[in-house]
Amino acid sequence: MTTVTFYKSGDFYYGFHESGHTGYGESGDDVLCAALSSMTMLIINAIEVSYGCDVNYEIDEKTTDITVTAKAALPKYEKDEKKQYAVSGLIQAYFFQLMDLIEDYFDYLDVKTEEREI
């Protein structure tokens, strides 16, 4: 099972941590794992390239753990409200997308939120 824990500060989503293997399919042929990986890289690239904001991420190749944080989603780090809401909204959209996926893949995916200060 893959667990994705989203980080929030107040109403703002600013990051997430993914851990574990979904176990939905064989390694290299797991469509759920591929979907999560693709969505994660979309988030990282959109924040960095489209929104021009810094995003910190670590990918542990051995454990496949991924941690993504974007301070630009938080008012105390980003003065431009449009960027702030765009970054937070993108991460929140990922949360909602995963909540939809849980309906079909509840044995392979768990999603949580955690109130956490940066």
PDB file of N, CA and C in Angstrom:
ATOM      1  N   MET A   1       0.841  -1.184   0.000  1.00  0.00           N
ATOM      2  CA  MET A   1       0.000   0.000   0.000  1.00  0.00           C
ATOM      3  C   MET A   1       0.884   1.245   0.000  1.00  0.00           C
ATOM      4  N   THR A   2       0.453   2.225  -0.753  1.00  0.00           N
ATOM      5  CA  THR A   2       1.116   3.522  -0.742  1.00  0.00           C
ATOM      6  C   THR A   2       0.306   4.464   0.151  1.00  0.00           C
ATOM      7  N   THR A   3       1.003   5.141   1.034  1.00  0.00           N
ATOM      8  CA  THR A   3       0.375   6.142   1.881  1.00  0.00           C
ATOM      9  C   THR A   3       0.887   7.514   1.461  1.00  0.00           C
ATOM     10  N   VAL A   4      -0.029   8.426   1.223  1.00  0.00           N
ATOM     11  CA  VAL A   4       0.331   9.796   0.881  1.00  0.00           C
ATOM     12  C   VAL A   4      -0.198  10.690   2.000  1.00  0.00           C
ATOM     13  N   THR A   5       0.723  11.370   2.672  1.00  0.00           N
ATOM     14  CA  THR A   5       0.362  12.282   3.755  1.00  0.00           C
ATOM     15  C   THR A   5       0.588  13.703   3.273  1.00  0.00           C
ATOM     16  N   PHE A   6      -0.484  14.479   3.227  1.00  0.00           N
ATOM     17  CA  PHE A   6      -0.401  15.863   2.775  1.00  0.00           C
ATOM     18  C   PHE A   6      -0.133  16.773   3.958  1.00  0.00           C
ATOM     19  N   TYR A   7       0.724  17.766   3.742  1.00  0.00           N
ATOM     20  CA  TYR A   7       1.069  18.740   4.771  1.00  0.00           C
ATOM     21  C   TYR A   7       0.237  19.995   4.572  1.00  0.00           C
ATOM     22  N   LYS A   8      -0.364  20.456   5.672  1.00  0.00           N
ATOM     23  CA  LYS A   8      -1.173  21.672   5.643  1.00  0.00           C
ATOM     24  C   LYS A   8      -0.712  22.605   6.757  1.00  0.00           C
ATOM     25  N   SER A   9      -0.884  23.877   6.513  1.00  0.00           N
ATOM     26  CA  SER A   9      -0.725  24.898   7.538  1.00  0.00           C
ATOM     27  C   SER A   9      -1.957  25.780   7.431  1.00  0.00           C
ATOM     28  N   GLY A  10      -2.851  25.654   8.387  1.00  0.00           N
ATOM     29  CA  GLY A  10      -4.130  26.343   8.268  1.00  0.00           C
ATOM     30  C   GLY A  10      -4.901  25.782   7.095  1.00  0.00           C
ATOM     31  N   ASP A  11      -5.311  26.665   6.191  1.00  0.00           N
ATOM     32  CA  ASP A  11      -6.065  26.231   5.008  1.00  0.00           C
ATOM     33  C   ASP A  11      -5.181  25.923   3.803  1.00  0.00           C
ATOM     34  N   PHE A  12      -3.873  26.012   3.972  1.00  0.00           N
ATOM     35  CA  PHE A  12      -2.965  25.916   2.828  1.00  0.00           C
ATOM     36  C   PHE A  12      -2.253  24.568   2.771  1.00  0.00           C
ATOM     37  N   TYR A  13      -2.383  23.898   1.641  1.00  0.00           N
ATOM     38  CA  TYR A  13      -1.619  22.685   1.367  1.00  0.00           C
ATOM     39  C   TYR A  13      -0.258  23.123   0.846  1.00  0.00           C
ATOM     40  N   TYR A  14       0.819  22.577   1.406  1.00  0.00           N
ATOM     41  CA  TYR A  14       2.145  22.998   0.942  1.00  0.00           C
ATOM     42  C   TYR A  14       3.103  21.848   0.658  1.00  0.00           C
ATOM     43  N   GLY A  15       2.646  20.623   0.774  1.00  0.00           N
ATOM     44  CA  GLY A  15       3.535  19.507   0.464  1.00  0.00           C
ATOM     45  C   GLY A  15       2.902  18.175   0.778  1.00  0.00           C
ATOM     46  N   PHE A  16       3.690  17.121   0.566  1.00  0.00           N
ATOM     47  CA  PHE A  16       3.213  15.769   0.830  1.00  0.00           C
ATOM     48  C   PHE A  16       4.388  14.803   0.899  1.00  0.00           C
ATOM     49  N   HIS A  17       4.108  13.649   1.489  1.00  0.00           N
ATOM     50  CA  HIS A  17       5.095  12.566   1.575  1.00  0.00           C
ATOM     51  C   HIS A  17       4.410  11.293   1.099  1.00  0.00           C
ATOM     52  N   GLU A  18       5.043  10.599   0.166  1.00  0.00           N
ATOM     53  CA  GLU A  18       4.522   9.333  -0.347  1.00  0.00           C
ATOM     54  C   GLU A  18       5.455   8.219   0.102  1.00  0.00           C
ATOM     55  N   SER A  19       4.877   7.138   0.614  1.00  0.00           N
ATOM     56  CA  SER A  19       5.716   6.002   1.020  1.00  0.00           C
ATOM     57  C   SER A  19       5.005   4.689   0.731  1.00  0.00           C
ATOM     58  N   GLY A  20       5.797   3.687   0.453  1.00  0.00           N
ATOM     59  CA  GLY A  20       5.282   2.344   0.227  1.00  0.00           C
ATOM     60  C   GLY A  20       4.974   2.051  -1.229  1.00  0.00           C
ATOM     61  N   HIS A  21       4.895   0.773  -1.530  1.00  0.00           N
ATOM     62  CA  HIS A  21       4.538   0.302  -2.872  1.00  0.00           C
ATOM     63  C   HIS A  21       3.044   0.009  -2.910  1.00  0.00           C
ATOM     64  N   THR A  22       2.398   0.392  -3.980  1.00  0.00           N
ATOM     65  CA  THR A  22       0.953   0.162  -4.053  1.00  0.00           C
ATOM     66  C   THR A  22       0.626  -1.327  -4.034  1.00  0.00           C
ATOM     67  N   GLY A  23       1.416  -2.120  -4.727  1.00  0.00           N
ATOM     68  CA  GLY A  23       1.141  -3.557  -4.793  1.00  0.00           C
ATOM     69  C   GLY A  23      -0.001  -3.899  -5.722  1.00  0.00           C
ATOM     70  N   TYR A  24      -0.422  -2.932  -6.517  1.00  0.00           N
ATOM     71  CA  TYR A  24      -1.537  -3.179  -7.436  1.00  0.00           C
ATOM     72  C   TYR A  24      -1.132  -4.093  -8.591  1.00  0.00           C
ATOM     73  N   GLY A  25       0.105  -3.964  -9.050  1.00  0.00           N
ATOM     74  CA  GLY A  25       0.600  -4.786 -10.151  1.00  0.00           C
ATOM     75  C   GLY A  25       2.049  -5.151  -9.932  1.00  0.00           C
ATOM     76  N   GLU A  26       2.586  -5.910 -10.842  1.00  0.00           N
ATOM     77  CA  GLU A  26       3.999  -6.289 -10.779  1.00  0.00           C
ATOM     78  C   GLU A  26       4.876  -5.055 -10.960  1.00  0.00           C
ATOM     79  N   SER A  27       6.047  -5.088 -10.374  1.00  0.00           N
ATOM     80  CA  SER A  27       7.000  -3.981 -10.514  1.00  0.00           C
ATOM     81  C   SER A  27       7.261  -3.714 -11.988  1.00  0.00           C
ATOM     82  N   GLY A  28       7.160  -2.465 -12.375  1.00  0.00           N
ATOM     83  CA  GLY A  28       7.335  -2.080 -13.770  1.00  0.00           C
ATOM     84  C   GLY A  28       6.062  -2.168 -14.584  1.00  0.00           C
ATOM     85  N   ASP A  29       5.004  -2.741 -13.992  1.00  0.00           N
ATOM     86  CA  ASP A  29       3.736  -2.902 -14.697  1.00  0.00           C
ATOM     87  C   ASP A  29       2.560  -2.502 -13.794  1.00  0.00           C
ATOM     88  N   ASP A  30       2.841  -1.641 -12.824  1.00  0.00           N
ATOM     89  CA  ASP A  30       1.846  -1.221 -11.844  1.00  0.00           C
ATOM     90  C   ASP A  30       1.274   0.131 -12.287  1.00  0.00           C
ATOM     91  N   VAL A  31       0.071   0.115 -12.848  1.00  0.00           N
ATOM     92  CA  VAL A  31      -0.513   1.341 -13.394  1.00  0.00           C
ATOM     93  C   VAL A  31      -0.834   2.365 -12.309  1.00  0.00           C
ATOM     94  N   LEU A  32      -1.182   1.911 -11.110  1.00  0.00           N
ATOM     95  CA  LEU A  32      -1.467   2.842 -10.028  1.00  0.00           C
ATOM     96  C   LEU A  32      -0.188   3.552  -9.593  1.00  0.00           C
ATOM     97  N   CYS A  33       0.884   2.811  -9.468  1.00  0.00           N
ATOM     98  CA  CYS A  33       2.181   3.405  -9.128  1.00  0.00           C
ATOM     99  C   CYS A  33       2.616   4.400 -10.206  1.00  0.00           C
ATOM    100  N   ALA A  34       2.426   4.024 -11.457  1.00  0.00           N
ATOM    101  CA  ALA A  34       2.792   4.912 -12.564  1.00  0.00           C
ATOM    102  C   ALA A  34       1.959   6.196 -12.522  1.00  0.00           C
ATOM    103  N   ALA A  35       0.676   6.078 -12.196  1.00  0.00           N
ATOM    104  CA  ALA A  35      -0.184   7.263 -12.104  1.00  0.00           C
ATOM    105  C   ALA A  35       0.295   8.189 -10.995  1.00  0.00           C
ATOM    106  N   LEU A  36       0.617   7.635  -9.824  1.00  0.00           N
ATOM    107  CA  LEU A  36       1.097   8.455  -8.715  1.00  0.00           C
ATOM    108  C   LEU A  36       2.407   9.146  -9.075  1.00  0.00           C
ATOM    109  N   SER A  37       3.316   8.411  -9.692  1.00  0.00           N
ATOM    110  CA  SER A  37       4.607   8.993 -10.094  1.00  0.00           C
ATOM    111  C   SER A  37       4.416  10.119 -11.095  1.00  0.00           C
ATOM    112  N   SER A  38       3.546   9.914 -12.057  1.00  0.00           N
ATOM    113  CA  SER A  38       3.290  10.944 -13.069  1.00  0.00           C
ATOM    114  C   SER A  38       2.671  12.195 -12.457  1.00  0.00           C
ATOM    115  N   MET A  39       1.708  12.003 -11.581  1.00  0.00           N
ATOM    116  CA  MET A  39       1.064  13.157 -10.953  1.00  0.00           C
ATOM    117  C   MET A  39       2.051  13.906 -10.057  1.00  0.00           C
ATOM    118  N   THR A  40       2.898  13.177  -9.362  1.00  0.00           N
ATOM    119  CA  THR A  40       3.895  13.813  -8.499  1.00  0.00           C
ATOM    120  C   THR A  40       4.852  14.672  -9.316  1.00  0.00           C
ATOM    121  N   MET A  41       5.342  14.148 -10.424  1.00  0.00           N
ATOM    122  CA  MET A  41       6.264  14.917 -11.258  1.00  0.00           C
ATOM    123  C   MET A  41       5.553  16.104 -11.920  1.00  0.00           C
ATOM    124  N   LEU A  42       4.279  15.955 -12.238  1.00  0.00           N
ATOM    125  CA  LEU A  42       3.498  17.077 -12.767  1.00  0.00           C
ATOM    126  C   LEU A  42       3.453  18.205 -11.742  1.00  0.00           C
ATOM    127  N   ILE A  43       3.203  17.866 -10.489  1.00  0.00           N
ATOM    128  CA  ILE A  43       3.158  18.873  -9.420  1.00  0.00           C
ATOM    129  C   ILE A  43       4.502  19.594  -9.324  1.00  0.00           C
ATOM    130  N   ILE A  44       5.584  18.833  -9.257  1.00  0.00           N
ATOM    131  CA  ILE A  44       6.925  19.414  -9.122  1.00  0.00           C
ATOM    132  C   ILE A  44       7.230  20.331 -10.301  1.00  0.00           C
ATOM    133  N   ASN A  45       7.006  19.852 -11.512  1.00  0.00           N
ATOM    134  CA  ASN A  45       7.314  20.647 -12.706  1.00  0.00           C
ATOM    135  C   ASN A  45       6.432  21.886 -12.816  1.00  0.00           C
ATOM    136  N   ALA A  46       5.166  21.762 -12.485  1.00  0.00           N
ATOM    137  CA  ALA A  46       4.271  22.925 -12.566  1.00  0.00           C
ATOM    138  C   ALA A  46       4.704  24.008 -11.584  1.00  0.00           C
ATOM    139  N   ILE A  47       5.053  23.615 -10.368  1.00  0.00           N
ATOM    140  CA  ILE A  47       5.476  24.604  -9.381  1.00  0.00           C
ATOM    141  C   ILE A  47       6.762  25.287  -9.815  1.00  0.00           C
ATOM    142  N   GLU A  48       7.730  24.491 -10.272  1.00  0.00           N
ATOM    143  CA  GLU A  48       9.034  25.054 -10.665  1.00  0.00           C
ATOM    144  C   GLU A  48       8.970  25.846 -11.960  1.00  0.00           C
ATOM    145  N   VAL A  49       8.384  25.265 -12.979  1.00  0.00           N
ATOM    146  CA  VAL A  49       8.444  25.860 -14.314  1.00  0.00           C
ATOM    147  C   VAL A  49       7.279  26.818 -14.564  1.00  0.00           C
ATOM    148  N   SER A  50       6.070  26.354 -14.374  1.00  0.00           N
ATOM    149  CA  SER A  50       4.909  27.190 -14.687  1.00  0.00           C
ATOM    150  C   SER A  50       4.726  28.349 -13.724  1.00  0.00           C
ATOM    151  N   TYR A  51       4.950  28.079 -12.424  1.00  0.00           N
ATOM    152  CA  TYR A  51       4.731  29.118 -11.424  1.00  0.00           C
ATOM    153  C   TYR A  51       6.006  29.825 -11.001  1.00  0.00           C
ATOM    154  N   GLY A  52       7.165  29.330 -11.430  1.00  0.00           N
ATOM    155  CA  GLY A  52       8.440  29.971 -11.112  1.00  0.00           C
ATOM    156  C   GLY A  52       8.755  30.019  -9.631  1.00  0.00           C
ATOM    157  N   CYS A  53       8.347  28.987  -8.907  1.00  0.00           N
ATOM    158  CA  CYS A  53       8.568  28.932  -7.455  1.00  0.00           C
ATOM    159  C   CYS A  53       9.487  27.763  -7.109  1.00  0.00           C
ATOM    160  N   ASP A  54      10.164  27.901  -5.999  1.00  0.00           N
ATOM    161  CA  ASP A  54      11.024  26.819  -5.530  1.00  0.00           C
ATOM    162  C   ASP A  54      10.171  25.693  -4.955  1.00  0.00           C
ATOM    163  N   VAL A  55      10.599  24.489  -5.232  1.00  0.00           N
ATOM    164  CA  VAL A  55       9.970  23.309  -4.641  1.00  0.00           C
ATOM    165  C   VAL A  55      11.102  22.381  -4.209  1.00  0.00           C
ATOM    166  N   ASN A  56      11.038  21.930  -2.984  1.00  0.00           N
ATOM    167  CA  ASN A  56      12.035  20.989  -2.480  1.00  0.00           C
ATOM    168  C   ASN A  56      11.454  19.590  -2.579  1.00  0.00           C
ATOM    169  N   TYR A  57      12.248  18.677  -3.112  1.00  0.00           N
ATOM    170  CA  TYR A  57      11.776  17.302  -3.172  1.00  0.00           C
ATOM    171  C   TYR A  57      12.944  16.342  -3.024  1.00  0.00           C
ATOM    172  N   GLU A  58      12.653  15.234  -2.393  1.00  0.00           N
ATOM    173  CA  GLU A  58      13.612  14.153  -2.208  1.00  0.00           C
ATOM    174  C   GLU A  58      12.960  12.864  -2.656  1.00  0.00           C
ATOM    175  N   ILE A  59      13.687  12.105  -3.447  1.00  0.00           N
ATOM    176  CA  ILE A  59      13.205  10.807  -3.909  1.00  0.00           C
ATOM    177  C   ILE A  59      14.220   9.769  -3.472  1.00  0.00           C
ATOM    178  N   ASP A  60      13.800   8.848  -2.629  1.00  0.00           N
ATOM    179  CA  ASP A  60      14.665   7.766  -2.176  1.00  0.00           C
ATOM    180  C   ASP A  60      14.442   6.579  -3.104  1.00  0.00           C
ATOM    181  N   GLU A  61      15.400   6.313  -3.961  1.00  0.00           N
ATOM    182  CA  GLU A  61      15.269   5.259  -4.968  1.00  0.00           C
ATOM    183  C   GLU A  61      15.095   3.873  -4.349  1.00  0.00           C
ATOM    184  N   LYS A  62      15.686   3.641  -3.185  1.00  0.00           N
ATOM    185  CA  LYS A  62      15.597   2.315  -2.556  1.00  0.00           C
ATOM    186  C   LYS A  62      14.217   2.069  -1.948  1.00  0.00           C
ATOM    187  N   THR A  63      13.706   3.049  -1.231  1.00  0.00           N
ATOM    188  CA  THR A  63      12.418   2.864  -0.555  1.00  0.00           C
ATOM    189  C   THR A  63      11.255   3.407  -1.373  1.00  0.00           C
ATOM    190  N   THR A  64      11.536   4.173  -2.396  1.00  0.00           N
ATOM    191  CA  THR A  64      10.569   4.896  -3.237  1.00  0.00           C
ATOM    192  C   THR A  64       9.803   5.960  -2.460  1.00  0.00           C
ATOM    193  N   ASP A  65      10.295   6.337  -1.283  1.00  0.00           N
ATOM    194  CA  ASP A  65       9.685   7.438  -0.544  1.00  0.00           C
ATOM    195  C   ASP A  65       9.949   8.747  -1.279  1.00  0.00           C
ATOM    196  N   ILE A  66       8.939   9.597  -1.328  1.00  0.00           N
ATOM    197  CA  ILE A  66       9.051  10.894  -1.975  1.00  0.00           C
ATOM    198  C   ILE A  66       8.494  11.945  -1.026  1.00  0.00           C
ATOM    199  N   THR A  67       9.256  13.012  -0.825  1.00  0.00           N
ATOM    200  CA  THR A  67       8.793  14.132  -0.026  1.00  0.00           C
ATOM    201  C   THR A  67       8.870  15.391  -0.873  1.00  0.00           C
ATOM    202  N   VAL A  68       7.784  16.127  -0.922  1.00  0.00           N
ATOM    203  CA  VAL A  68       7.695  17.360  -1.714  1.00  0.00           C
ATOM    204  C   VAL A  68       7.186  18.475  -0.801  1.00  0.00           C
ATOM    205  N   THR A  69       7.894  19.616  -0.775  1.00  0.00           N
ATOM    206  CA  THR A  69       7.412  20.787  -0.046  1.00  0.00           C
ATOM    207  C   THR A  69       7.640  22.040  -0.881  1.00  0.00           C
ATOM    208  N   ALA A  70       6.660  22.928  -0.821  1.00  0.00           N
ATOM    209  CA  ALA A  70       6.730  24.188  -1.559  1.00  0.00           C
ATOM    210  C   ALA A  70       6.305  25.312  -0.622  1.00  0.00           C
ATOM    211  N   LYS A  71       7.284  26.060  -0.103  1.00  0.00           N
ATOM    212  CA  LYS A  71       6.997  27.157   0.819  1.00  0.00           C
ATOM    213  C   LYS A  71       6.165  28.251   0.166  1.00  0.00           C
ATOM    214  N   ALA A  72       6.208  28.342  -1.161  1.00  0.00           N
ATOM    215  CA  ALA A  72       5.462  29.382  -1.872  1.00  0.00           C
ATOM    216  C   ALA A  72       3.955  29.254  -1.673  1.00  0.00           C
ATOM    217  N   ALA A  73       3.497  28.129  -1.169  1.00  0.00           N
ATOM    218  CA  ALA A  73       2.069  27.945  -0.904  1.00  0.00           C
ATOM    219  C   ALA A  73       1.621  28.650   0.371  1.00  0.00           C
ATOM    220  N   LEU A  74       2.586  29.127   1.152  1.00  0.00           N
ATOM    221  CA  LEU A  74       2.263  29.705   2.458  1.00  0.00           C
ATOM    222  C   LEU A  74       2.438  31.219   2.477  1.00  0.00           C
ATOM    223  N   PRO A  75       1.488  31.929   3.057  1.00  0.00           N
ATOM    224  CA  PRO A  75       1.546  33.392   3.076  1.00  0.00           C
ATOM    225  C   PRO A  75       2.816  33.956   3.704  1.00  0.00           C
ATOM    226  N   LYS A  76       3.367  33.299   4.700  1.00  0.00           N
ATOM    227  CA  LYS A  76       4.549  33.867   5.345  1.00  0.00           C
ATOM    228  C   LYS A  76       5.815  33.737   4.494  1.00  0.00           C
ATOM    229  N   TYR A  77       5.759  32.949   3.412  1.00  0.00           N
ATOM    230  CA  TYR A  77       6.924  32.795   2.535  1.00  0.00           C
ATOM    231  C   TYR A  77       6.728  33.393   1.149  1.00  0.00           C
ATOM    232  N   GLU A  78       5.482  33.574   0.734  1.00  0.00           N
ATOM    233  CA  GLU A  78       5.202  34.092  -0.613  1.00  0.00           C
ATOM    234  C   GLU A  78       4.259  35.285  -0.506  1.00  0.00           C
ATOM    235  N   LYS A  79       4.721  36.425  -0.978  1.00  0.00           N
ATOM    236  CA  LYS A  79       3.909  37.655  -0.916  1.00  0.00           C
ATOM    237  C   LYS A  79       2.893  37.742  -2.050  1.00  0.00           C
ATOM    238  N   ASP A  80       3.198  37.132  -3.182  1.00  0.00           N
ATOM    239  CA  ASP A  80       2.300  37.152  -4.337  1.00  0.00           C
ATOM    240  C   ASP A  80       1.160  36.157  -4.096  1.00  0.00           C
ATOM    241  N   GLU A  81      -0.027  36.685  -3.793  1.00  0.00           N
ATOM    242  CA  GLU A  81      -1.158  35.822  -3.464  1.00  0.00           C
ATOM    243  C   GLU A  81      -1.539  34.894  -4.616  1.00  0.00           C
ATOM    244  N   LYS A  82      -1.371  35.345  -5.846  1.00  0.00           N
ATOM    245  CA  LYS A  82      -1.714  34.493  -6.986  1.00  0.00           C
ATOM    246  C   LYS A  82      -0.826  33.253  -7.013  1.00  0.00           C
ATOM    247  N   LYS A  83       0.475  33.443  -6.808  1.00  0.00           N
ATOM    248  CA  LYS A  83       1.384  32.289  -6.764  1.00  0.00           C
ATOM    249  C   LYS A  83       1.062  31.390  -5.581  1.00  0.00           C
ATOM    250  N   GLN A  84       0.838  32.014  -4.451  1.00  0.00           N
ATOM    251  CA  GLN A  84       0.525  31.274  -3.226  1.00  0.00           C
ATOM    252  C   GLN A  84      -0.695  30.370  -3.443  1.00  0.00           C
ATOM    253  N   TYR A  85      -1.777  30.936  -3.953  1.00  0.00           N
ATOM    254  CA  TYR A  85      -2.983  30.150  -4.173  1.00  0.00           C
ATOM    255  C   TYR A  85      -2.807  29.133  -5.303  1.00  0.00           C
ATOM    256  N   ALA A  86      -2.029  29.456  -6.310  1.00  0.00           N
ATOM    257  CA  ALA A  86      -1.788  28.512  -7.402  1.00  0.00           C
ATOM    258  C   ALA A  86      -1.035  27.283  -6.897  1.00  0.00           C
ATOM    259  N   VAL A  87       0.021  27.514  -6.118  1.00  0.00           N
ATOM    260  CA  VAL A  87       0.829  26.398  -5.617  1.00  0.00           C
ATOM    261  C   VAL A  87       0.012  25.559  -4.635  1.00  0.00           C
ATOM    262  N   SER A  88      -0.616  26.207  -3.671  1.00  0.00           N
ATOM    263  CA  SER A  88      -1.430  25.478  -2.701  1.00  0.00           C
ATOM    264  C   SER A  88      -2.588  24.755  -3.389  1.00  0.00           C
ATOM    265  N   GLY A  89      -3.208  25.429  -4.344  1.00  0.00           N
ATOM    266  CA  GLY A  89      -4.320  24.829  -5.074  1.00  0.00           C
ATOM    267  C   GLY A  89      -3.915  23.616  -5.878  1.00  0.00           C
ATOM    268  N   LEU A  90      -2.737  23.645  -6.447  1.00  0.00           N
ATOM    269  CA  LEU A  90      -2.242  22.499  -7.211  1.00  0.00           C
ATOM    270  C   LEU A  90      -2.045  21.289  -6.302  1.00  0.00           C
ATOM    271  N   ILE A  91      -1.447  21.525  -5.145  1.00  0.00           N
ATOM    272  CA  ILE A  91      -1.239  20.430  -4.194  1.00  0.00           C
ATOM    273  C   ILE A  91      -2.578  19.927  -3.660  1.00  0.00           C
ATOM    274  N   GLN A  92      -3.499  20.850  -3.396  1.00  0.00           N
ATOM    275  CA  GLN A  92      -4.821  20.454  -2.940  1.00  0.00           C
ATOM    276  C   GLN A  92      -5.557  19.659  -4.022  1.00  0.00           C
ATOM    277  N   ALA A  93      -5.384  20.020  -5.275  1.00  0.00           N
ATOM    278  CA  ALA A  93      -6.011  19.287  -6.376  1.00  0.00           C
ATOM    279  C   ALA A  93      -5.494  17.845  -6.417  1.00  0.00           C
ATOM    280  N   TYR A  94      -4.202  17.668  -6.146  1.00  0.00           N
ATOM    281  CA  TYR A  94      -3.637  16.318  -6.076  1.00  0.00           C
ATOM    282  C   TYR A  94      -4.308  15.533  -4.946  1.00  0.00           C
ATOM    283  N   PHE A  95      -4.494  16.170  -3.791  1.00  0.00           N
ATOM    284  CA  PHE A  95      -5.192  15.539  -2.677  1.00  0.00           C
ATOM    285  C   PHE A  95      -6.578  15.055  -3.128  1.00  0.00           C
ATOM    286  N   PHE A  96      -7.351  15.924  -3.771  1.00  0.00           N
ATOM    287  CA  PHE A  96      -8.697  15.546  -4.208  1.00  0.00           C
ATOM    288  C   PHE A  96      -8.668  14.447  -5.268  1.00  0.00           C
ATOM    289  N   GLN A  97      -7.674  14.487  -6.148  1.00  0.00           N
ATOM    290  CA  GLN A  97      -7.543  13.440  -7.162  1.00  0.00           C
ATOM    291  C   GLN A  97      -7.306  12.084  -6.497  1.00  0.00           C
ATOM    292  N   LEU A  98      -6.441  12.074  -5.479  1.00  0.00           N
ATOM    293  CA  LEU A  98      -6.165  10.818  -4.777  1.00  0.00           C
ATOM    294  C   LEU A  98      -7.384  10.339  -3.991  1.00  0.00           C
ATOM    295  N   MET A  99      -8.144  11.269  -3.436  1.00  0.00           N
ATOM    296  CA  MET A  99      -9.369  10.875  -2.732  1.00  0.00           C
ATOM    297  C   MET A  99     -10.345  10.197  -3.687  1.00  0.00           C
ATOM    298  N   ASP A 100     -10.393  10.659  -4.936  1.00  0.00           N
ATOM    299  CA  ASP A 100     -11.219  10.001  -5.948  1.00  0.00           C
ATOM    300  C   ASP A 100     -10.677   8.604  -6.260  1.00  0.00           C
ATOM    301  N   LEU A 101      -9.356   8.480  -6.356  1.00  0.00           N
ATOM    302  CA  LEU A 101      -8.751   7.179  -6.663  1.00  0.00           C
ATOM    303  C   LEU A 101      -8.997   6.148  -5.561  1.00  0.00           C
ATOM    304  N   ILE A 102      -9.078   6.608  -4.319  1.00  0.00           N
ATOM    305  CA  ILE A 102      -9.297   5.686  -3.203  1.00  0.00           C
ATOM    306  C   ILE A 102     -10.594   4.896  -3.382  1.00  0.00           C
ATOM    307  N   GLU A 103     -11.573   5.495  -4.008  1.00  0.00           N
ATOM    308  CA  GLU A 103     -12.847   4.802  -4.211  1.00  0.00           C
ATOM    309  C   GLU A 103     -12.654   3.478  -4.933  1.00  0.00           C
ATOM    310  N   ASP A 104     -11.730   3.428  -5.891  1.00  0.00           N
ATOM    311  CA  ASP A 104     -11.482   2.207  -6.657  1.00  0.00           C
ATOM    312  C   ASP A 104     -10.276   1.416  -6.162  1.00  0.00           C
ATOM    313  N   TYR A 105      -9.363   2.076  -5.462  1.00  0.00           N
ATOM    314  CA  TYR A 105      -8.093   1.432  -5.089  1.00  0.00           C
ATOM    315  C   TYR A 105      -7.851   1.474  -3.576  1.00  0.00           C
ATOM    316  N   PHE A 106      -8.910   1.349  -2.782  1.00  0.00           N
ATOM    317  CA  PHE A 106      -8.791   1.477  -1.318  1.00  0.00           C
ATOM    318  C   PHE A 106      -7.873   0.439  -0.684  1.00  0.00           C
ATOM    319  N   ASP A 107      -7.651  -0.685  -1.336  1.00  0.00           N
ATOM    320  CA  ASP A 107      -6.726  -1.695  -0.804  1.00  0.00           C
ATOM    321  C   ASP A 107      -5.264  -1.369  -1.096  1.00  0.00           C
ATOM    322  N   TYR A 108      -5.023  -0.370  -1.931  1.00  0.00           N
ATOM    323  CA  TYR A 108      -3.666  -0.072  -2.393  1.00  0.00           C
ATOM    324  C   TYR A 108      -3.196   1.342  -2.079  1.00  0.00           C
ATOM    325  N   LEU A 109      -4.108   2.191  -1.618  1.00  0.00           N
ATOM    326  CA  LEU A 109      -3.800   3.608  -1.442  1.00  0.00           C
ATOM    327  C   LEU A 109      -4.461   4.140  -0.173  1.00  0.00           C
ATOM    328  N   ASP A 110      -3.696   4.918   0.583  1.00  0.00           N
ATOM    329  CA  ASP A 110      -4.211   5.590   1.775  1.00  0.00           C
ATOM    330  C   ASP A 110      -3.793   7.047   1.700  1.00  0.00           C
ATOM    331  N   VAL A 111      -4.697   7.961   2.034  1.00  0.00           N
ATOM    332  CA  VAL A 111      -4.402   9.392   1.965  1.00  0.00           C
ATOM    333  C   VAL A 111      -4.759  10.017   3.307  1.00  0.00           C
ATOM    334  N   LYS A 112      -3.824  10.828   3.804  1.00  0.00           N
ATOM    335  CA  LYS A 112      -3.996  11.496   5.091  1.00  0.00           C
ATOM    336  C   LYS A 112      -3.620  12.959   4.951  1.00  0.00           C
ATOM    337  N   THR A 113      -4.037  13.765   5.923  1.00  0.00           N
ATOM    338  CA  THR A 113      -3.548  15.145   6.027  1.00  0.00           C
ATOM    339  C   THR A 113      -2.950  15.324   7.407  1.00  0.00           C
ATOM    340  N   GLU A 114      -1.978  16.195   7.455  1.00  0.00           N
ATOM    341  CA  GLU A 114      -1.274  16.463   8.714  1.00  0.00           C
ATOM    342  C   GLU A 114      -1.035  17.964   8.844  1.00  0.00           C
ATOM    343  N   GLU A 115      -1.516  18.519   9.928  1.00  0.00           N
ATOM    344  CA  GLU A 115      -1.268  19.932  10.205  1.00  0.00           C
ATOM    345  C   GLU A 115       0.182  20.035  10.678  1.00  0.00           C
ATOM    346  N   ARG A 116       0.969  20.853   9.970  1.00  0.00           N
ATOM    347  CA  ARG A 116       2.400  20.913  10.270  1.00  0.00           C
ATOM    348  C   ARG A 116       2.923  22.289   9.890  1.00  0.00           C
ATOM    349  N   GLU A 117       3.709  22.855  10.756  1.00  0.00           N
ATOM    350  CA  GLU A 117       4.348  24.150  10.480  1.00  0.00           C
ATOM    351  C   GLU A 117       5.706  23.929   9.840  1.00  0.00           C
ATOM    352  N   ILE A 118       6.048  24.803   8.946  1.00  0.00           N
ATOM    353  CA  ILE A 118       7.373  24.782   8.307  1.00  0.00           C
ATOM    354  C   ILE A 118       8.268  25.713   9.079  1.00  0.00           C
TER     355      ILE A 118
END
